Each structure stands twice: as C-alpha cells, then as structure tokens.
C-alpha atoms as a PDB file:
ATOM      1  CA  UNK A   1      18.741  -4.776   3.745  1.00  0.00           C
ATOM      2  CA  UNK A   2      15.288  -3.796   2.548  1.00  0.00           C
ATOM      3  CA  UNK A   3      13.427  -1.001   4.493  1.00  0.00           C
ATOM      4  CA  UNK A   4      10.100   0.311   3.886  1.00  0.00           C
ATOM      5  CA  UNK A   5       8.886   3.550   5.516  1.00  0.00           C
ATOM      6  CA  UNK A   6       5.268   4.560   5.268  1.00  0.00           C
ATOM      7  CA  UNK A   7       3.998   8.099   5.812  1.00  0.00           C
ATOM      8  CA  UNK A   8       0.706  10.137   5.149  1.00  0.00           C
ATOM      9  CA  UNK A   9      -1.687   8.535   7.534  1.00  0.00           C
ATOM     10  CA  UNK A  10      -3.948  10.492   9.827  1.00  0.00           C
ATOM     11  CA  UNK A  11      -7.448  11.376  10.887  1.00  0.00           C
ATOM     12  CA  UNK A  12     -10.033  12.324   8.229  1.00  0.00           C
ATOM     13  CA  UNK A  13     -13.721  12.717   8.067  1.00  0.00           C
ATOM     14  CA  UNK A  14     -15.910  10.313   6.034  1.00  0.00           C
ATOM     15  CA  UNK A  15     -15.812  11.257   2.398  1.00  0.00           C
ATOM     16  CA  UNK A  16     -12.362  12.735   2.698  1.00  0.00           C
ATOM     17  CA  UNK A  17      -9.040  11.774   1.159  1.00  0.00           C
ATOM     18  CA  UNK A  18      -5.616  10.797   2.164  1.00  0.00           C
ATOM     19  CA  UNK A  19      -2.451   9.865   0.204  1.00  0.00           C
ATOM     20  CA  UNK A  20      -0.117   7.354   1.659  1.00  0.00           C
ATOM     21  CA  UNK A  21       3.514   7.070   0.645  1.00  0.00           C
ATOM     22  CA  UNK A  22       6.091   4.317   1.141  1.00  0.00           C
ATOM     23  CA  UNK A  23       9.680   5.005   0.691  1.00  0.00           C
ATOM     24  CA  UNK A  24      11.780   1.857  -0.086  1.00  0.00           C
ATOM     25  CA  UNK A  25      15.495   1.250   0.120  1.00  0.00           C
ATOM     26  CA  UNK A  26      18.078  -1.501   0.212  1.00  0.00           C
ATOM     27  CA  UNK A  27      17.751  -2.890  -3.351  1.00  0.00           C
ATOM     28  CA  UNK A  28      16.343  -2.379  -6.774  1.00  0.00           C
ATOM     29  CA  UNK A  29      12.565  -2.139  -6.843  1.00  0.00           C
ATOM     30  CA  UNK A  30      11.881  -1.987 -10.539  1.00  0.00           C
ATOM     31  CA  UNK A  31      11.119  -5.671 -10.989  1.00  0.00           C
ATOM     32  CA  UNK A  32       9.220  -6.440  -7.810  1.00  0.00           C
ATOM     33  CA  UNK A  33       5.555  -6.181  -6.737  1.00  0.00           C
ATOM     34  CA  UNK A  34       4.890  -3.288  -4.425  1.00  0.00           C
ATOM     35  CA  UNK A  35       1.639  -2.533  -2.674  1.00  0.00           C
ATOM     36  CA  UNK A  36      -0.462  -2.065   0.396  1.00  0.00           C
ATOM     37  CA  UNK A  37      -2.311  -4.200   3.029  1.00  0.00           C
ATOM     38  CA  UNK A  38      -4.335  -2.987   6.029  1.00  0.00           C
ATOM     39  CA  UNK A  39      -5.282  -4.347   9.395  1.00  0.00           C
ATOM     40  CA  UNK A  40      -8.343  -3.163  11.368  1.00  0.00           C
ATOM     41  CA  UNK A  41      -8.684  -3.631  15.124  1.00  0.00           C
ATOM     42  CA  UNK A  42      -9.642  -7.282  15.860  1.00  0.00           C
ATOM     43  CA  UNK A  43      -9.239  -8.370  12.257  1.00  0.00           C
ATOM     44  CA  UNK A  44      -6.748 -10.110  10.141  1.00  0.00           C
ATOM     45  CA  UNK A  45      -4.427  -8.197   7.754  1.00  0.00           C
ATOM     46  CA  UNK A  46      -6.084  -7.876   4.353  1.00  0.00           C
ATOM     47  CA  UNK A  47      -4.949  -7.110   0.802  1.00  0.00           C
ATOM     48  CA  UNK A  48      -5.704  -3.516  -0.374  1.00  0.00           C
ATOM     49  CA  UNK A  49      -3.903  -2.893  -3.647  1.00  0.00           C
ATOM     50  CA  UNK A  50      -0.718  -4.043  -5.471  1.00  0.00           C
ATOM     51  CA  UNK A  51       1.239  -2.923  -8.514  1.00  0.00           C
ATOM     52  CA  UNK A  52       2.641  -6.070 -10.025  1.00  0.00           C
ATOM     53  CA  UNK A  53       5.692  -6.294 -12.302  1.00  0.00           C
ATOM     54  CA  UNK A  54       6.012  -8.621 -15.268  1.00  0.00           C
ATOM     55  CA  UNK A  55       8.102  -8.429 -18.492  1.00  0.00           C
ATOM     56  CA  UNK A  56       5.088  -6.894 -20.131  1.00  0.00           C
ATOM     57  CA  UNK A  57       5.115  -4.000 -17.647  1.00  0.00           C
ATOM     58  CA  UNK A  58       3.135  -3.159 -14.549  1.00  0.00           C
ATOM     59  CA  UNK A  59      -0.491  -4.044 -13.664  1.00  0.00           C
ATOM     60  CA  UNK A  60      -2.518  -2.955 -10.644  1.00  0.00           C
ATOM     61  CA  UNK A  61      -4.837  -5.046  -8.549  1.00  0.00           C
ATOM     62  CA  UNK A  62      -7.399  -3.786  -5.991  1.00  0.00           C
ATOM     63  CA  UNK A  63      -9.506  -5.364  -3.306  1.00  0.00           C
ATOM     64  CA  UNK A  64     -13.156  -5.148  -4.242  1.00  0.00           C
ATOM     65  CA  UNK A  65     -13.875  -2.939  -1.219  1.00  0.00           C
ATOM     66  CA  UNK A  66     -11.574  -0.168  -2.527  1.00  0.00           C
ATOM     67  CA  UNK A  67     -11.851  -0.462  -6.264  1.00  0.00           C
ATOM     68  CA  UNK A  68     -12.982   2.870  -7.771  1.00  0.00           C
ATOM     69  CA  UNK A  69     -12.041   4.764  -4.546  1.00  0.00           C
ATOM     70  CA  UNK A  70      -8.263   4.008  -4.186  1.00  0.00           C
ATOM     71  CA  UNK A  71      -5.475   4.373  -6.730  1.00  0.00           C
ATOM     72  CA  UNK A  72      -2.052   2.867  -6.423  1.00  0.00           C
ATOM     73  CA  UNK A  73       0.894   4.216  -8.204  1.00  0.00           C
ATOM     74  CA  UNK A  74       4.653   3.782  -8.119  1.00  0.00           C
ATOM     75  CA  UNK A  75       7.678   5.925  -8.867  1.00  0.00           C
ATOM     76  CA  UNK A  76      10.702   3.710  -9.660  1.00  0.00           C
ATOM     77  CA  UNK A  77      13.059   6.652  -9.817  1.00  0.00           C
ATOM     78  CA  UNK A  78      12.196   7.394  -6.139  1.00  0.00           C
ATOM     79  CA  UNK A  79      11.760   3.750  -5.104  1.00  0.00           C
ATOM     80  CA  UNK A  80       8.380   4.715  -3.876  1.00  0.00           C
ATOM     81  CA  UNK A  81       4.711   3.426  -3.975  1.00  0.00           C
ATOM     82  CA  UNK A  82       1.719   5.514  -3.271  1.00  0.00           C
ATOM     83  CA  UNK A  83      -1.921   4.967  -2.344  1.00  0.00           C
ATOM     84  CA  UNK A  84      -4.358   7.719  -3.155  1.00  0.00           C
ATOM     85  CA  UNK A  85      -7.537   7.136  -1.054  1.00  0.00           C
ATOM     86  CA  UNK A  86     -10.654   8.922  -1.917  1.00  0.00           C
ATOM     87  CA  UNK A  87     -14.246   8.830  -0.483  1.00  0.00           C
ATOM     88  CA  UNK A  88     -12.896   7.289   2.665  1.00  0.00           C
ATOM     89  CA  UNK A  89     -15.364   5.500   5.017  1.00  0.00           C
ATOM     90  CA  UNK A  90     -15.173   4.558   8.655  1.00  0.00           C
ATOM     91  CA  UNK A  91     -14.662   0.909   7.579  1.00  0.00           C
ATOM     92  CA  UNK A  92     -11.331   1.966   5.952  1.00  0.00           C
ATOM     93  CA  UNK A  93     -10.046   2.723   9.472  1.00  0.00           C
ATOM     94  CA  UNK A  94      -6.937   0.432   9.931  1.00  0.00           C
ATOM     95  CA  UNK A  95      -3.110   0.450  10.042  1.00  0.00           C
ATOM     96  CA  UNK A  96      -1.925   0.388   6.473  1.00  0.00           C
ATOM     97  CA  UNK A  97       1.253  -1.483   5.742  1.00  0.00           C
ATOM     98  CA  UNK A  98       3.625  -1.162   2.662  1.00  0.00           C
ATOM     99  CA  UNK A  99       4.440  -4.489   1.200  1.00  0.00           C
ATOM    100  CA  UNK A 100       7.160  -5.569  -1.275  1.00  0.00           C
ATOM    101  CA  UNK A 101       7.122  -9.030  -2.721  1.00  0.00           C
ATOM    102  CA  UNK A 102      10.271 -10.365  -4.326  1.00  0.00           C
ATOM    103  CA  UNK A 103       9.869 -13.464  -6.449  1.00  0.00           C
ATOM    104  CA  UNK A 104      12.582 -16.086  -6.698  1.00  0.00           C
ATOM    105  CA  UNK A 105      13.467 -19.563  -5.721  1.00  0.00           C
ATOM    106  CA  UNK A 106      12.221 -18.585  -2.330  1.00  0.00           C
ATOM    107  CA  UNK A 107       9.738 -15.657  -2.436  1.00  0.00           C
ATOM    108  CA  UNK A 108      10.314 -13.023   0.212  1.00  0.00           C
ATOM    109  CA  UNK A 109       7.869 -10.519   1.628  1.00  0.00           C
ATOM    110  CA  UNK A 110       9.000  -7.283   3.174  1.00  0.00           C
ATOM    111  CA  UNK A 111       6.766  -5.040   5.374  1.00  0.00           C
ATOM    112  CA  UNK A 112       6.845  -1.484   6.673  1.00  0.00           C
ATOM    113  CA  UNK A 113       6.035  -0.523  10.276  1.00  0.00           C
ATOM    114  CA  UNK A 114       2.532   0.698   9.238  1.00  0.00           C
ATOM    115  CA  UNK A 115       0.764   4.066   9.300  1.00  0.00           C
ATOM    116  CA  UNK A 116      -2.612   4.626  11.058  1.00  0.00           C
ATOM    117  CA  UNK A 117      -5.594   5.802   8.998  1.00  0.00           C
ATOM    118  CA  UNK A 118      -8.664   6.766  11.044  1.00  0.00           C
ATOM    119  CA  UNK A 119     -11.882   7.799   9.351  1.00  0.00           C
ATOM    120  CA  UNK A 120     -14.517   9.464  11.602  1.00  0.00           C
ATOM    121  CA  UNK A 121     -18.244   9.319  10.743  1.00  0.00           C
END
C-alpha cells in the first residue's frame, strides 16, 4: 500500500524560502513520476512541479508560475521527493500535496495528506 507523507510546510514572509519533503513507502519509486500539486482556498488543485521517469532518465516539469523560483528533486535511495521554494509570494499560499503517478494498463495516482504553506505579505 503506497503511503506519502509530506512535511516542511509553515508560515513564511514574502520573499522567504521553504523546503517541502515527501517520504514515500509501499513500493519501488525509481520508475514512477513524483511531484507536487497545490490547492489554494476556493480554487481547484493545480500542478506545481513533477520529476518524470523515462528510460532516458528523469526530467523535471514546472508550472509557469513557479518556474525559476521552485526546484524539485528526488532521492531514490530514500524514496523521497523534495520541493525547494524560494522567493515565496502570498499567491503561493496553499496546501501542497505530494503526488505519485504510476503508469500501466490503468494509471494510478497516489496523494499525500498535504502540508500547509502560508506566505504573509
């Protein structure tokens, strides 16, 4: 059974930084996509960043709104994915969710419980 546990959220002033962590368990994660989504109050959940696996290796994708400010990384030895967030802005305030996407005949999405990030102006 796949479990994802996020940590690292908190309250930070605009311009500050936070590092989110997601610890995964329950299967092998070396050949799956791992990343982050977020959901702000009153808004739909949106894509933030993803590290995608292929036979060529890993590639990272970012939402335009966080490109050049956020950096995603993964540590396969620890079954973990991280999100380094710099130059945070109030509009980055949201619950951040860890996501694992397992491809196959039927693709499966796994989600963590979320971690709150609040950026004050």
